[in-house]
Amino acid sequence: MEDLGIIEGYWTSVAHSKLGYQLKAIITLRAFMGKLRPFLEHVRTLEEVVNCYRITGNENIIMEVVFRDQFHLEEFIDKLIQYGETRTHIILSEVISNAPIGKMRSPD
């Protein structure tokens, strides 16, 4: 499956909470005119960003991010607001994570 490109790689799953990151959030960004390209360059330097996607719809970007506490989150948002309008959603728990495609899920 590796030769066919179905398996693209292997990675380690990190317990962010064991590294001191107590909050996990989803943040969307609606970029200001002319600020999307600069943001796309800047986001690569932000250590809090676990995943970042460019998306369709009202927002341009959706990110999965981790923070030590709410003060860390506030500092992060302060960095982002020069690029656009943000919306923050705190993650309470994971319901499904890295589920394989085609796996049949049974209701609880």
C-alpha atoms as a PDB file:
ATOM      1  CA  MET A   1       0.000   0.000   0.000  1.00  0.00           C
ATOM      2  CA  GLU A   2       2.969   2.309   0.493  1.00  0.00           C
ATOM      3  CA  ASP A   3       4.021   1.746  -3.147  1.00  0.00           C
ATOM      4  CA  LEU A   4       0.509   2.650  -4.295  1.00  0.00           C
ATOM      5  CA  GLY A   5       0.535   5.850  -2.239  1.00  0.00           C
ATOM      6  CA  ILE A   6      -2.342   4.724  -0.013  1.00  0.00           C
ATOM      7  CA  ILE A   7      -0.162   4.810   3.110  1.00  0.00           C
ATOM      8  CA  GLU A   8       1.488   8.223   3.020  1.00  0.00           C
ATOM      9  CA  GLY A   9       3.580   7.979   6.158  1.00  0.00           C
ATOM     10  CA  TYR A  10       3.856   7.246   9.842  1.00  0.00           C
ATOM     11  CA  TRP A  11       3.861   9.644  12.776  1.00  0.00           C
ATOM     12  CA  THR A  12       3.792   9.850  16.531  1.00  0.00           C
ATOM     13  CA  SER A  13       0.725  10.996  18.435  1.00  0.00           C
ATOM     14  CA  VAL A  14       1.721  13.501  21.128  1.00  0.00           C
ATOM     15  CA  ALA A  15      -0.213  13.992  24.392  1.00  0.00           C
ATOM     16  CA  HIS A  16      -0.196  17.785  24.394  1.00  0.00           C
ATOM     17  CA  SER A  17      -1.550  17.904  27.952  1.00  0.00           C
ATOM     18  CA  LYS A  18       1.603  16.119  29.206  1.00  0.00           C
ATOM     19  CA  LEU A  19       3.621  18.966  27.671  1.00  0.00           C
ATOM     20  CA  GLY A  20       1.648  21.595  29.580  1.00  0.00           C
ATOM     21  CA  TYR A  21      -0.983  22.456  26.967  1.00  0.00           C
ATOM     22  CA  GLN A  22      -4.260  22.351  28.895  1.00  0.00           C
ATOM     23  CA  LEU A  23      -6.563  23.894  26.259  1.00  0.00           C
ATOM     24  CA  LYS A  24      -7.274  22.696  22.750  1.00  0.00           C
ATOM     25  CA  ALA A  25      -9.327  24.825  20.380  1.00  0.00           C
ATOM     26  CA  ILE A  26     -10.534  25.238  16.834  1.00  0.00           C
ATOM     27  CA  ILE A  27     -10.001  28.762  15.524  1.00  0.00           C
ATOM     28  CA  THR A  28     -11.329  30.072  12.232  1.00  0.00           C
ATOM     29  CA  LEU A  29     -10.002  33.162  10.512  1.00  0.00           C
ATOM     30  CA  ARG A  30     -11.725  35.391   7.971  1.00  0.00           C
ATOM     31  CA  ALA A  31      -8.778  37.237   6.467  1.00  0.00           C
ATOM     32  CA  PHE A  32      -8.846  40.978   5.819  1.00  0.00           C
ATOM     33  CA  MET A  33      -8.338  42.111   2.218  1.00  0.00           C
ATOM     34  CA  GLY A  34      -4.691  41.532   1.295  1.00  0.00           C
ATOM     35  CA  LYS A  35      -3.855  39.664   4.523  1.00  0.00           C
ATOM     36  CA  LEU A  36      -4.390  36.027   3.502  1.00  0.00           C
ATOM     37  CA  ARG A  37      -0.985  35.512   1.843  1.00  0.00           C
ATOM     38  CA  PRO A  38       0.942  37.128   4.739  1.00  0.00           C
ATOM     39  CA  PHE A  39      -1.032  34.957   7.182  1.00  0.00           C
ATOM     40  CA  LEU A  40      -0.254  31.769   5.218  1.00  0.00           C
ATOM     41  CA  GLU A  41       3.451  32.564   5.590  1.00  0.00           C
ATOM     42  CA  HIS A  42       3.165  33.533   9.275  1.00  0.00           C
ATOM     43  CA  VAL A  43       1.073  30.566  10.435  1.00  0.00           C
ATOM     44  CA  ARG A  44       3.965  28.175   9.725  1.00  0.00           C
ATOM     45  CA  THR A  45       5.934  29.866  12.528  1.00  0.00           C
ATOM     46  CA  LEU A  46       3.247  29.472  15.224  1.00  0.00           C
ATOM     47  CA  GLU A  47       4.128  26.597  17.554  1.00  0.00           C
ATOM     48  CA  GLU A  48       0.568  26.384  18.921  1.00  0.00           C
ATOM     49  CA  VAL A  49      -0.878  25.305  15.551  1.00  0.00           C
ATOM     50  CA  VAL A  50      -1.312  21.539  15.305  1.00  0.00           C
ATOM     51  CA  ASN A  51      -3.248  21.574  11.999  1.00  0.00           C
ATOM     52  CA  CYS A  52      -4.195  24.372   9.625  1.00  0.00           C
ATOM     53  CA  TYR A  53      -6.430  24.202   6.559  1.00  0.00           C
ATOM     54  CA  ARG A  54      -7.455  26.712   3.921  1.00  0.00           C
ATOM     55  CA  ILE A  55     -11.221  26.305   3.488  1.00  0.00           C
ATOM     56  CA  THR A  56     -14.206  27.530   1.495  1.00  0.00           C
ATOM     57  CA  GLY A  57     -17.093  29.473   2.957  1.00  0.00           C
ATOM     58  CA  ASN A  58     -17.199  32.647   5.028  1.00  0.00           C
ATOM     59  CA  GLU A  59     -13.862  31.933   6.700  1.00  0.00           C
ATOM     60  CA  ASN A  60     -10.579  31.318   4.880  1.00  0.00           C
ATOM     61  CA  ILE A  61      -8.706  29.304   7.501  1.00  0.00           C
ATOM     62  CA  ILE A  62      -9.488  26.705  10.163  1.00  0.00           C
ATOM     63  CA  MET A  63      -6.837  25.701  12.705  1.00  0.00           C
ATOM     64  CA  GLU A  64      -6.528  23.175  15.492  1.00  0.00           C
ATOM     65  CA  VAL A  65      -4.425  24.792  18.213  1.00  0.00           C
ATOM     66  CA  VAL A  66      -3.163  24.049  21.740  1.00  0.00           C
ATOM     67  CA  PHE A  67      -2.551  26.429  24.656  1.00  0.00           C
ATOM     68  CA  ARG A  68      -1.156  26.324  28.184  1.00  0.00           C
ATOM     69  CA  ASP A  69      -4.105  28.318  29.570  1.00  0.00           C
ATOM     70  CA  GLN A  70      -6.637  31.029  28.703  1.00  0.00           C
ATOM     71  CA  PHE A  71      -3.954  33.740  28.947  1.00  0.00           C
ATOM     72  CA  HIS A  72      -1.896  31.939  26.297  1.00  0.00           C
ATOM     73  CA  LEU A  73      -5.041  31.733  24.126  1.00  0.00           C
ATOM     74  CA  GLU A  74      -5.620  35.472  24.545  1.00  0.00           C
ATOM     75  CA  GLU A  75      -2.016  36.265  23.479  1.00  0.00           C
ATOM     76  CA  PHE A  76      -2.435  34.026  20.428  1.00  0.00           C
ATOM     77  CA  ILE A  77      -5.672  35.725  19.354  1.00  0.00           C
ATOM     78  CA  ASP A  78      -3.998  39.121  19.785  1.00  0.00           C
ATOM     79  CA  LYS A  79      -1.379  37.989  17.233  1.00  0.00           C
ATOM     80  CA  LEU A  80      -4.049  36.851  14.777  1.00  0.00           C
ATOM     81  CA  ILE A  81      -6.327  39.891  14.771  1.00  0.00           C
ATOM     82  CA  GLN A  82      -3.966  41.854  12.522  1.00  0.00           C
ATOM     83  CA  TYR A  83      -4.750  39.293   9.791  1.00  0.00           C
ATOM     84  CA  GLY A  84      -8.520  39.064  10.150  1.00  0.00           C
ATOM     85  CA  GLU A  85     -11.590  38.259  12.216  1.00  0.00           C
ATOM     86  CA  THR A  86     -11.335  35.145  14.388  1.00  0.00           C
ATOM     87  CA  ARG A  87     -13.793  32.747  15.997  1.00  0.00           C
ATOM     88  CA  THR A  88     -12.665  30.417  18.751  1.00  0.00           C
ATOM     89  CA  HIS A  89     -14.233  27.111  19.788  1.00  0.00           C
ATOM     90  CA  ILE A  90     -12.782  25.360  22.855  1.00  0.00           C
ATOM     91  CA  ILE A  91     -12.616  21.572  22.431  1.00  0.00           C
ATOM     92  CA  LEU A  92     -14.124  19.751  25.418  1.00  0.00           C
ATOM     93  CA  SER A  93     -13.356  16.192  24.285  1.00  0.00           C
ATOM     94  CA  GLU A  94     -12.632  14.097  21.203  1.00  0.00           C
ATOM     95  CA  VAL A  95     -15.540  12.030  19.968  1.00  0.00           C
ATOM     96  CA  ILE A  96     -13.809  10.558  16.899  1.00  0.00           C
ATOM     97  CA  SER A  97     -10.136  10.906  16.088  1.00  0.00           C
ATOM     98  CA  ASN A  98      -8.247   9.511  13.077  1.00  0.00           C
ATOM     99  CA  ALA A  99     -10.967   7.002  12.218  1.00  0.00           C
ATOM    100  CA  PRO A 100     -10.220   4.876   9.163  1.00  0.00           C
ATOM    101  CA  ILE A 101     -12.404   5.415   6.107  1.00  0.00           C
ATOM    102  CA  GLY A 102     -14.979   2.705   5.570  1.00  0.00           C
ATOM    103  CA  LYS A 103     -14.992   1.581   9.212  1.00  0.00           C
ATOM    104  CA  MET A 104     -18.505   0.740  10.345  1.00  0.00           C
ATOM    105  CA  ARG A 105     -19.364   2.577  13.558  1.00  0.00           C
ATOM    106  CA  SER A 106     -21.873   1.109  15.956  1.00  0.00           C
ATOM    107  CA  PRO A 107     -24.147   3.440  17.936  1.00  0.00           C
ATOM    108  CA  ASP A 108     -23.590   3.532  21.699  1.00  0.00           C
END
